[in-house]
Amino acid sequence: MGKLSIAKELWDFLRIRKKWWLLPIVLFLALLGGLIILTQGSALAPFIYAIF
């Protein structure tokens, strides 16, 4: 329930304060974090880290 409430609070913040320019930044960081987590134990990890 904790992760869901954080997402709801973030959505409420963006909606109420009209900070729509933050949405692409948050999505990019979430995708990048997910990519790093998913490739952490795989053979692709050295190639992913070489990109950055």
PDB file of N, CA and C in Angstrom:
ATOM      1  N   MET A   1       0.824  -1.193   0.000  1.00  0.00           N
ATOM      2  CA  MET A   1       0.000   0.000   0.000  1.00  0.00           C
ATOM      3  C   MET A   1       0.868   1.257   0.000  1.00  0.00           C
ATOM      4  N   GLY A   2       2.100   1.163   0.511  1.00  0.00           N
ATOM      5  CA  GLY A   2       2.956   2.328   0.598  1.00  0.00           C
ATOM      6  C   GLY A   2       3.347   2.892  -0.759  1.00  0.00           C
ATOM      7  N   LYS A   3       3.689   2.007  -1.704  1.00  0.00           N
ATOM      8  CA  LYS A   3       4.088   2.460  -3.031  1.00  0.00           C
ATOM      9  C   LYS A   3       2.913   3.082  -3.766  1.00  0.00           C
ATOM     10  N   LEU A   4       1.736   2.536  -3.553  1.00  0.00           N
ATOM     11  CA  LEU A   4       0.548   3.062  -4.218  1.00  0.00           C
ATOM     12  C   LEU A   4       0.206   4.450  -3.687  1.00  0.00           C
ATOM     13  N   SER A   5       0.379   4.667  -2.400  1.00  0.00           N
ATOM     14  CA  SER A   5       0.064   5.981  -1.831  1.00  0.00           C
ATOM     15  C   SER A   5       1.083   7.031  -2.298  1.00  0.00           C
ATOM     16  N   ILE A   6       2.319   6.631  -2.514  1.00  0.00           N
ATOM     17  CA  ILE A   6       3.313   7.577  -3.028  1.00  0.00           C
ATOM     18  C   ILE A   6       2.952   8.002  -4.439  1.00  0.00           C
ATOM     19  N   ALA A   7       2.526   7.056  -5.258  1.00  0.00           N
ATOM     20  CA  ALA A   7       2.116   7.381  -6.625  1.00  0.00           C
ATOM     21  C   ALA A   7       0.896   8.294  -6.624  1.00  0.00           C
ATOM     22  N   LYS A   8      -0.051   8.048  -5.726  1.00  0.00           N
ATOM     23  CA  LYS A   8      -1.246   8.889  -5.649  1.00  0.00           C
ATOM     24  C   LYS A   8      -0.879  10.296  -5.195  1.00  0.00           C
ATOM     25  N   GLU A   9       0.000  10.408  -4.214  1.00  0.00           N
ATOM     26  CA  GLU A   9       0.421  11.726  -3.750  1.00  0.00           C
ATOM     27  C   GLU A   9       1.158  12.492  -4.850  1.00  0.00           C
ATOM     28  N   LEU A  10       2.001  11.790  -5.610  1.00  0.00           N
ATOM     29  CA  LEU A  10       2.704  12.431  -6.716  1.00  0.00           C
ATOM     30  C   LEU A  10       1.708  12.919  -7.767  1.00  0.00           C
ATOM     31  N   TRP A  11       0.737  12.079  -8.117  1.00  0.00           N
ATOM     32  CA  TRP A  11      -0.278  12.456  -9.099  1.00  0.00           C
ATOM     33  C   TRP A  11      -1.079  13.664  -8.612  1.00  0.00           C
ATOM     34  N   ASP A  12      -1.472  13.659  -7.321  1.00  0.00           N
ATOM     35  CA  ASP A  12      -2.211  14.800  -6.771  1.00  0.00           C
ATOM     36  C   ASP A  12      -1.378  16.072  -6.817  1.00  0.00           C
ATOM     37  N   PHE A  13      -0.103  15.967  -6.500  1.00  0.00           N
ATOM     38  CA  PHE A  13       0.789  17.120  -6.552  1.00  0.00           C
ATOM     39  C   PHE A  13       0.860  17.695  -7.962  1.00  0.00           C
ATOM     40  N   LEU A  14       1.063  16.807  -8.958  1.00  0.00           N
ATOM     41  CA  LEU A  14       1.163  17.265 -10.341  1.00  0.00           C
ATOM     42  C   LEU A  14      -0.149  17.878 -10.815  1.00  0.00           C
ATOM     43  N   ARG A  15      -1.266  17.283 -10.437  1.00  0.00           N
ATOM     44  CA  ARG A  15      -2.569  17.748 -10.899  1.00  0.00           C
ATOM     45  C   ARG A  15      -2.961  19.084 -10.257  1.00  0.00           C
ATOM     46  N   ILE A  16      -2.776  19.203  -8.956  1.00  0.00           N
ATOM     47  CA  ILE A  16      -3.216  20.401  -8.245  1.00  0.00           C
ATOM     48  C   ILE A  16      -2.322  21.593  -8.562  1.00  0.00           C
ATOM     49  N   ARG A  17      -1.015  21.383  -8.595  1.00  0.00           N
ATOM     50  CA  ARG A  17      -0.088  22.500  -8.795  1.00  0.00           C
ATOM     51  C   ARG A  17       0.269  22.740 -10.260  1.00  0.00           C
ATOM     52  N   LYS A  18      -0.338  21.967 -11.167  1.00  0.00           N
ATOM     53  CA  LYS A  18      -0.133  22.121 -12.614  1.00  0.00           C
ATOM     54  C   LYS A  18       1.346  22.026 -13.000  1.00  0.00           C
ATOM     55  N   LYS A  19       2.026  21.066 -12.442  1.00  0.00           N
ATOM     56  CA  LYS A  19       3.446  20.838 -12.736  1.00  0.00           C
ATOM     57  C   LYS A  19       3.597  19.712 -13.743  1.00  0.00           C
ATOM     58  N   TRP A  20       2.953  19.827 -14.889  1.00  0.00           N
ATOM     59  CA  TRP A  20       2.952  18.755 -15.881  1.00  0.00           C
ATOM     60  C   TRP A  20       4.329  18.526 -16.487  1.00  0.00           C
ATOM     61  N   TRP A  21       5.214  19.506 -16.432  1.00  0.00           N
ATOM     62  CA  TRP A  21       6.544  19.344 -17.002  1.00  0.00           C
ATOM     63  C   TRP A  21       7.371  18.342 -16.187  1.00  0.00           C
ATOM     64  N   LEU A  22       6.965  18.042 -14.946  1.00  0.00           N
ATOM     65  CA  LEU A  22       7.686  17.066 -14.130  1.00  0.00           C
ATOM     66  C   LEU A  22       7.362  15.625 -14.513  1.00  0.00           C
ATOM     67  N   LEU A  23       6.228  15.404 -15.161  1.00  0.00           N
ATOM     68  CA  LEU A  23       5.800  14.050 -15.481  1.00  0.00           C
ATOM     69  C   LEU A  23       6.790  13.292 -16.364  1.00  0.00           C
ATOM     70  N   PRO A  24       7.305  13.867 -17.460  1.00  0.00           N
ATOM     71  CA  PRO A  24       8.297  13.118 -18.256  1.00  0.00           C
ATOM     72  C   PRO A  24       9.579  12.809 -17.493  1.00  0.00           C
ATOM     73  N   ILE A  25       9.990  13.703 -16.620  1.00  0.00           N
ATOM     74  CA  ILE A  25      11.195  13.478 -15.831  1.00  0.00           C
ATOM     75  C   ILE A  25      10.996  12.307 -14.874  1.00  0.00           C
ATOM     76  N   VAL A  26       9.862  12.281 -14.201  1.00  0.00           N
ATOM     77  CA  VAL A  26       9.564  11.207 -13.255  1.00  0.00           C
ATOM     78  C   VAL A  26       9.455   9.869 -13.984  1.00  0.00           C
ATOM     79  N   LEU A  27       8.781   9.864 -15.125  1.00  0.00           N
ATOM     80  CA  LEU A  27       8.647   8.620 -15.892  1.00  0.00           C
ATOM     81  C   LEU A  27       9.997   8.116 -16.393  1.00  0.00           C
ATOM     82  N   PHE A  28      10.838   9.018 -16.869  1.00  0.00           N
ATOM     83  CA  PHE A  28      12.161   8.615 -17.343  1.00  0.00           C
ATOM     84  C   PHE A  28      12.992   8.035 -16.209  1.00  0.00           C
ATOM     85  N   LEU A  29      12.975   8.663 -15.048  1.00  0.00           N
ATOM     86  CA  LEU A  29      13.733   8.153 -13.914  1.00  0.00           C
ATOM     87  C   LEU A  29      13.209   6.798 -13.456  1.00  0.00           C
ATOM     88  N   ALA A  30      11.889   6.607 -13.491  1.00  0.00           N
ATOM     89  CA  ALA A  30      11.312   5.324 -13.101  1.00  0.00           C
ATOM     90  C   ALA A  30      11.716   4.236 -14.090  1.00  0.00           C
ATOM     91  N   LEU A  31      11.675   4.540 -15.386  1.00  0.00           N
ATOM     92  CA  LEU A  31      12.082   3.553 -16.389  1.00  0.00           C
ATOM     93  C   LEU A  31      13.565   3.230 -16.286  1.00  0.00           C
ATOM     94  N   LEU A  32      14.387   4.229 -16.066  1.00  0.00           N
ATOM     95  CA  LEU A  32      15.813   4.008 -15.916  1.00  0.00           C
ATOM     96  C   LEU A  32      16.114   3.161 -14.679  1.00  0.00           C
ATOM     97  N   GLY A  33      15.440   3.452 -13.585  1.00  0.00           N
ATOM     98  CA  GLY A  33      15.615   2.648 -12.374  1.00  0.00           C
ATOM     99  C   GLY A  33      15.176   1.215 -12.567  1.00  0.00           C
ATOM    100  N   GLY A  34      14.046   1.029 -13.260  1.00  0.00           N
ATOM    101  CA  GLY A  34      13.573  -0.321 -13.546  1.00  0.00           C
ATOM    102  C   GLY A  34      14.530  -1.079 -14.438  1.00  0.00           C
ATOM    103  N   LEU A  35      15.100  -0.392 -15.426  1.00  0.00           N
ATOM    104  CA  LEU A  35      16.079  -1.029 -16.317  1.00  0.00           C
ATOM    105  C   LEU A  35      17.312  -1.474 -15.550  1.00  0.00           C
ATOM    106  N   ILE A  36      17.779  -0.651 -14.664  1.00  0.00           N
ATOM    107  CA  ILE A  36      18.965  -1.005 -13.876  1.00  0.00           C
ATOM    108  C   ILE A  36      18.659  -2.174 -12.946  1.00  0.00           C
ATOM    109  N   ILE A  37      17.495  -2.172 -12.333  1.00  0.00           N
ATOM    110  CA  ILE A  37      17.131  -3.258 -11.426  1.00  0.00           C
ATOM    111  C   ILE A  37      16.977  -4.579 -12.183  1.00  0.00           C
ATOM    112  N   LEU A  38      16.333  -4.528 -13.352  1.00  0.00           N
ATOM    113  CA  LEU A  38      16.097  -5.760 -14.107  1.00  0.00           C
ATOM    114  C   LEU A  38      17.376  -6.349 -14.694  1.00  0.00           C
ATOM    115  N   THR A  39      18.334  -5.513 -15.050  1.00  0.00           N
ATOM    116  CA  THR A  39      19.556  -6.034 -15.668  1.00  0.00           C
ATOM    117  C   THR A  39      20.698  -6.216 -14.678  1.00  0.00           C
ATOM    118  N   GLN A  40      20.437  -6.016 -13.416  1.00  0.00           N
ATOM    119  CA  GLN A  40      21.500  -6.070 -12.412  1.00  0.00           C
ATOM    120  C   GLN A  40      22.165  -7.448 -12.354  1.00  0.00           C
ATOM    121  N   GLY A  41      21.402  -8.500 -12.452  1.00  0.00           N
ATOM    122  CA  GLY A  41      21.985  -9.828 -12.311  1.00  0.00           C
ATOM    123  C   GLY A  41      22.161 -10.563 -13.624  1.00  0.00           C
ATOM    124  N   SER A  42      21.967  -9.888 -14.725  1.00  0.00           N
ATOM    125  CA  SER A  42      22.030 -10.593 -16.006  1.00  0.00           C
ATOM    126  C   SER A  42      23.357 -10.335 -16.713  1.00  0.00           C
ATOM    127  N   ALA A  43      23.534 -11.019 -17.825  1.00  0.00           N
ATOM    128  CA  ALA A  43      24.751 -10.856 -18.622  1.00  0.00           C
ATOM    129  C   ALA A  43      24.730  -9.545 -19.405  1.00  0.00           C
ATOM    130  N   LEU A  44      23.585  -8.882 -19.478  1.00  0.00           N
ATOM    131  CA  LEU A  44      23.480  -7.614 -20.197  1.00  0.00           C
ATOM    132  C   LEU A  44      23.974  -6.419 -19.375  1.00  0.00           C
ATOM    133  N   ALA A  45      24.172  -6.614 -18.098  1.00  0.00           N
ATOM    134  CA  ALA A  45      24.528  -5.508 -17.205  1.00  0.00           C
ATOM    135  C   ALA A  45      25.764  -4.722 -17.691  1.00  0.00           C
ATOM    136  N   PRO A  46      26.856  -5.349 -18.093  1.00  0.00           N
ATOM    137  CA  PRO A  46      28.006  -4.553 -18.534  1.00  0.00           C
ATOM    138  C   PRO A  46      27.702  -3.680 -19.746  1.00  0.00           C
ATOM    139  N   PHE A  47      26.830  -4.148 -20.625  1.00  0.00           N
ATOM    140  CA  PHE A  47      26.493  -3.363 -21.817  1.00  0.00           C
ATOM    141  C   PHE A  47      25.593  -2.183 -21.468  1.00  0.00           C
ATOM    142  N   ILE A  48      24.670  -2.379 -20.534  1.00  0.00           N
ATOM    143  CA  ILE A  48      23.783  -1.304 -20.110  1.00  0.00           C
ATOM    144  C   ILE A  48      24.589  -0.224 -19.401  1.00  0.00           C
ATOM    145  N   TYR A  49      25.482  -0.611 -18.522  1.00  0.00           N
ATOM    146  CA  TYR A  49      26.283   0.359 -17.781  1.00  0.00           C
ATOM    147  C   TYR A  49      27.276   1.086 -18.696  1.00  0.00           C
ATOM    148  N   ALA A  50      27.681   0.461 -19.773  1.00  0.00           N
ATOM    149  CA  ALA A  50      28.605   1.112 -20.699  1.00  0.00           C
ATOM    150  C   ALA A  50      27.917   2.253 -21.459  1.00  0.00           C
ATOM    151  N   ILE A  51      26.615   2.179 -21.601  1.00  0.00           N
ATOM    152  CA  ILE A  51      25.864   3.249 -22.274  1.00  0.00           C
ATOM    153  C   ILE A  51      25.952   4.535 -21.468  1.00  0.00           C
ATOM    154  N   PHE A  52      25.897   4.410 -20.156  1.00  0.00           N
ATOM    155  CA  PHE A  52      25.894   5.585 -19.300  1.00  0.00           C
ATOM    156  C   PHE A  52      27.279   5.872 -18.808  1.00  0.00           C
TER     157      PHE A  52
END
